[in-house]
Amino acid sequence: MDESPLPIITDTTGLSIGYRILWRLKYLGLSIFGPAERRVEASPRERIKWDRAMKVKAAHEAAGTQPDEQTLYTASRLEPRRRQQ
């Protein structure tokens, strides 16, 4: 499996300004105060990048548009932690 860090996607389709600001603050907090470097699957920083990509992908699907390659790549790298009910 690829162990390189996930990219921070630039597509903001479906993300409010409030979500984007809070996301940046959370990412910054995890970068400064979060755990040491971990595998991609176990890293909270990588998990929030993946969550953001999944939100953008869902917004594109709802709008009937195609997400960019970076979003699709990021969304395909991790699996959900829990099954959606």
N, C-alpha and C. Protein backbone atom coordinates (compact mmCIF):
# COMPACT_ATOMS: atom_id res chain seq x y z
N MET A 1 0.83 -1.18 0.00
CA MET A 1 0.00 0.00 0.00
C MET A 1 0.88 1.24 0.00
N ASP A 2 0.42 2.27 -0.65
CA ASP A 2 1.13 3.53 -0.74
C ASP A 2 1.17 4.21 0.63
N GLU A 3 2.35 4.54 1.12
CA GLU A 3 2.50 5.16 2.43
C GLU A 3 2.74 6.66 2.35
N SER A 4 2.64 7.25 1.17
CA SER A 4 2.83 8.69 1.06
C SER A 4 1.63 9.42 1.67
N PRO A 5 1.84 10.63 2.21
CA PRO A 5 0.73 11.37 2.81
C PRO A 5 -0.33 11.71 1.77
N LEU A 6 -1.57 11.79 2.21
CA LEU A 6 -2.65 12.19 1.31
C LEU A 6 -2.53 13.67 0.99
N PRO A 7 -2.91 14.07 -0.22
CA PRO A 7 -2.89 15.50 -0.53
C PRO A 7 -4.07 16.21 0.12
N ILE A 8 -3.91 17.50 0.39
CA ILE A 8 -5.04 18.32 0.82
C ILE A 8 -5.73 18.78 -0.45
N ILE A 9 -6.95 18.34 -0.66
CA ILE A 9 -7.63 18.64 -1.92
C ILE A 9 -7.96 20.12 -2.01
N THR A 10 -7.91 20.66 -3.21
CA THR A 10 -8.19 22.07 -3.43
C THR A 10 -9.64 22.33 -3.83
N ASP A 11 -10.35 21.30 -4.28
CA ASP A 11 -11.75 21.43 -4.66
C ASP A 11 -12.59 21.65 -3.40
N THR A 12 -13.41 22.70 -3.38
CA THR A 12 -14.22 23.01 -2.21
C THR A 12 -15.71 22.87 -2.49
N THR A 13 -16.08 22.10 -3.49
CA THR A 13 -17.48 21.90 -3.83
C THR A 13 -18.23 21.32 -2.64
N GLY A 14 -19.30 21.98 -2.22
CA GLY A 14 -20.13 21.49 -1.12
C GLY A 14 -19.61 21.80 0.27
N LEU A 15 -18.49 22.50 0.39
CA LEU A 15 -17.93 22.83 1.70
C LEU A 15 -18.19 24.30 2.00
N SER A 16 -18.86 24.57 3.11
CA SER A 16 -19.14 25.96 3.49
C SER A 16 -17.85 26.64 3.96
N ILE A 17 -17.89 27.96 4.01
CA ILE A 17 -16.72 28.71 4.47
C ILE A 17 -16.43 28.38 5.94
N GLY A 18 -17.48 28.20 6.73
CA GLY A 18 -17.30 27.83 8.14
C GLY A 18 -16.62 26.48 8.29
N TYR A 19 -17.03 25.50 7.47
CA TYR A 19 -16.41 24.18 7.52
C TYR A 19 -14.94 24.28 7.14
N ARG A 20 -14.65 25.05 6.08
CA ARG A 20 -13.26 25.15 5.63
C ARG A 20 -12.37 25.82 6.67
N ILE A 21 -12.89 26.85 7.35
CA ILE A 21 -12.11 27.52 8.39
C ILE A 21 -11.87 26.58 9.57
N LEU A 22 -12.93 25.92 10.03
CA LEU A 22 -12.78 24.98 11.15
C LEU A 22 -11.88 23.81 10.78
N TRP A 23 -11.96 23.36 9.52
CA TRP A 23 -11.11 22.26 9.08
C TRP A 23 -9.64 22.66 9.15
N ARG A 24 -9.34 23.87 8.67
CA ARG A 24 -7.94 24.35 8.71
C ARG A 24 -7.44 24.45 10.15
N LEU A 25 -8.29 24.97 11.05
CA LEU A 25 -7.89 25.08 12.45
C LEU A 25 -7.65 23.70 13.06
N LYS A 26 -8.53 22.75 12.75
CA LYS A 26 -8.36 21.39 13.26
C LYS A 26 -7.08 20.76 12.72
N TYR A 27 -6.82 20.94 11.42
CA TYR A 27 -5.61 20.39 10.81
C TYR A 27 -4.36 21.02 11.44
N LEU A 28 -4.41 22.33 11.64
CA LEU A 28 -3.28 23.02 12.27
C LEU A 28 -3.07 22.51 13.69
N GLY A 29 -4.16 22.36 14.43
CA GLY A 29 -4.06 21.83 15.80
C GLY A 29 -3.47 20.43 15.84
N LEU A 30 -3.90 19.58 14.91
CA LEU A 30 -3.34 18.22 14.86
C LEU A 30 -1.87 18.23 14.45
N SER A 31 -1.50 19.18 13.60
CA SER A 31 -0.10 19.27 13.18
C SER A 31 0.80 19.69 14.33
N ILE A 32 0.29 20.58 15.19
CA ILE A 32 1.12 21.09 16.29
C ILE A 32 1.01 20.19 17.52
N PHE A 33 -0.22 19.87 17.93
CA PHE A 33 -0.43 19.16 19.19
C PHE A 33 -0.79 17.68 19.02
N GLY A 34 -0.96 17.24 17.80
CA GLY A 34 -1.40 15.87 17.56
C GLY A 34 -0.31 14.85 17.79
N PRO A 35 -0.63 13.60 17.51
CA PRO A 35 0.34 12.52 17.73
C PRO A 35 1.50 12.59 16.75
N ALA A 36 2.54 11.84 17.06
CA ALA A 36 3.70 11.77 16.17
C ALA A 36 3.30 11.13 14.84
N GLU A 37 4.23 11.11 13.92
CA GLU A 37 3.96 10.52 12.61
C GLU A 37 3.49 9.08 12.77
N ARG A 38 2.45 8.75 12.03
CA ARG A 38 1.89 7.40 12.05
C ARG A 38 1.69 6.93 10.63
N ARG A 39 1.32 5.65 10.51
CA ARG A 39 0.95 5.13 9.19
C ARG A 39 -0.24 5.93 8.69
N VAL A 40 -0.42 5.96 7.39
CA VAL A 40 -1.52 6.71 6.79
C VAL A 40 -2.86 6.27 7.36
N GLU A 41 -3.06 4.97 7.56
CA GLU A 41 -4.35 4.47 8.05
C GLU A 41 -4.65 4.88 9.48
N ALA A 42 -3.62 5.15 10.29
CA ALA A 42 -3.80 5.44 11.71
C ALA A 42 -3.65 6.92 12.05
N SER A 43 -3.33 7.75 11.10
CA SER A 43 -3.05 9.16 11.36
C SER A 43 -4.34 9.99 11.37
N PRO A 44 -4.57 10.76 12.44
CA PRO A 44 -5.76 11.62 12.46
C PRO A 44 -5.69 12.73 11.40
N ARG A 45 -4.49 13.20 11.09
CA ARG A 45 -4.36 14.22 10.03
C ARG A 45 -4.78 13.66 8.68
N GLU A 46 -4.37 12.43 8.39
CA GLU A 46 -4.75 11.81 7.12
C GLU A 46 -6.25 11.51 7.10
N ARG A 47 -6.81 11.14 8.25
CA ARG A 47 -8.24 10.83 8.32
C ARG A 47 -9.09 12.07 8.02
N ILE A 48 -8.70 13.26 8.52
CA ILE A 48 -9.52 14.43 8.23
C ILE A 48 -9.36 14.87 6.77
N LYS A 49 -8.20 14.61 6.16
CA LYS A 49 -8.06 14.88 4.72
C LYS A 49 -9.00 13.97 3.93
N TRP A 50 -9.08 12.70 4.34
CA TRP A 50 -9.95 11.74 3.67
C TRP A 50 -11.42 12.12 3.86
N ASP A 51 -11.80 12.52 5.09
CA ASP A 51 -13.18 12.93 5.35
C ASP A 51 -13.58 14.10 4.46
N ARG A 52 -12.67 15.06 4.30
CA ARG A 52 -12.94 16.22 3.44
C ARG A 52 -13.14 15.78 1.99
N ALA A 53 -12.29 14.88 1.53
CA ALA A 53 -12.41 14.38 0.15
C ALA A 53 -13.74 13.65 -0.05
N MET A 54 -14.17 12.89 0.95
CA MET A 54 -15.44 12.17 0.84
C MET A 54 -16.62 13.14 0.81
N LYS A 55 -16.56 14.23 1.57
CA LYS A 55 -17.63 15.24 1.53
C LYS A 55 -17.70 15.89 0.15
N VAL A 56 -16.56 16.23 -0.41
CA VAL A 56 -16.52 16.85 -1.74
C VAL A 56 -17.04 15.86 -2.79
N LYS A 57 -16.63 14.61 -2.69
CA LYS A 57 -17.10 13.59 -3.63
C LYS A 57 -18.62 13.43 -3.55
N ALA A 58 -19.17 13.41 -2.33
CA ALA A 58 -20.62 13.29 -2.16
C ALA A 58 -21.35 14.51 -2.72
N ALA A 59 -20.77 15.69 -2.56
CA ALA A 59 -21.39 16.91 -3.10
C ALA A 59 -21.40 16.87 -4.63
N HIS A 60 -20.33 16.37 -5.22
CA HIS A 60 -20.29 16.23 -6.68
C HIS A 60 -21.33 15.23 -7.16
N GLU A 61 -21.46 14.11 -6.45
CA GLU A 61 -22.46 13.11 -6.83
C GLU A 61 -23.87 13.67 -6.73
N ALA A 62 -24.14 14.48 -5.69
CA ALA A 62 -25.46 15.08 -5.53
C ALA A 62 -25.74 16.11 -6.63
N ALA A 63 -24.70 16.80 -7.08
CA ALA A 63 -24.86 17.80 -8.13
C ALA A 63 -24.82 17.19 -9.52
N GLY A 64 -24.44 15.93 -9.62
CA GLY A 64 -24.35 15.27 -10.91
C GLY A 64 -23.12 15.65 -11.71
N THR A 65 -22.07 16.08 -11.02
CA THR A 65 -20.82 16.44 -11.68
C THR A 65 -19.74 15.43 -11.31
N GLN A 66 -18.62 15.54 -11.98
CA GLN A 66 -17.50 14.62 -11.77
C GLN A 66 -16.43 15.30 -10.92
N PRO A 67 -16.00 14.70 -9.79
CA PRO A 67 -14.91 15.29 -9.01
C PRO A 67 -13.58 15.17 -9.76
N ASP A 68 -12.64 16.02 -9.37
CA ASP A 68 -11.33 15.99 -10.03
C ASP A 68 -10.54 14.75 -9.59
N GLU A 69 -9.44 14.51 -10.28
CA GLU A 69 -8.62 13.32 -10.03
C GLU A 69 -8.04 13.29 -8.62
N GLN A 70 -7.64 14.45 -8.11
CA GLN A 70 -7.05 14.52 -6.77
C GLN A 70 -8.07 14.08 -5.71
N THR A 71 -9.31 14.51 -5.87
CA THR A 71 -10.37 14.12 -4.93
C THR A 71 -10.63 12.62 -5.00
N LEU A 72 -10.72 12.09 -6.20
CA LEU A 72 -10.95 10.65 -6.36
C LEU A 72 -9.80 9.83 -5.79
N TYR A 73 -8.57 10.28 -6.01
CA TYR A 73 -7.39 9.59 -5.49
C TYR A 73 -7.41 9.57 -3.96
N THR A 74 -7.67 10.73 -3.36
CA THR A 74 -7.68 10.83 -1.90
C THR A 74 -8.80 9.99 -1.31
N ALA A 75 -9.98 10.03 -1.92
CA ALA A 75 -11.12 9.27 -1.41
C ALA A 75 -10.90 7.76 -1.51
N SER A 76 -10.11 7.33 -2.48
CA SER A 76 -9.90 5.89 -2.68
C SER A 76 -8.81 5.30 -1.77
N ARG A 77 -8.05 6.14 -1.10
CA ARG A 77 -6.90 5.66 -0.33
C ARG A 77 -7.25 5.02 1.01
N LEU A 78 -8.32 5.45 1.66
CA LEU A 78 -8.68 4.90 2.97
C LEU A 78 -10.07 4.30 2.93
N GLU A 79 -10.37 3.50 3.92
CA GLU A 79 -11.69 2.89 4.06
C GLU A 79 -12.41 3.54 5.24
N PRO A 80 -13.74 3.58 5.22
CA PRO A 80 -14.47 4.12 6.38
C PRO A 80 -14.19 3.29 7.62
N ARG A 81 -14.18 3.94 8.76
CA ARG A 81 -13.93 3.23 10.02
C ARG A 81 -15.13 2.39 10.43
N ARG A 82 -16.31 2.92 10.23
CA ARG A 82 -17.53 2.21 10.61
C ARG A 82 -18.41 2.03 9.40
N ARG A 83 -19.23 1.03 9.47
CA ARG A 83 -20.20 0.84 8.40
C ARG A 83 -21.28 1.89 8.53
N GLN A 84 -21.68 2.46 7.39
CA GLN A 84 -22.76 3.44 7.42
C GLN A 84 -24.08 2.71 7.57
N GLN A 85 -24.92 3.22 8.45
CA GLN A 85 -26.20 2.57 8.72
C GLN A 85 -27.33 3.29 8.06
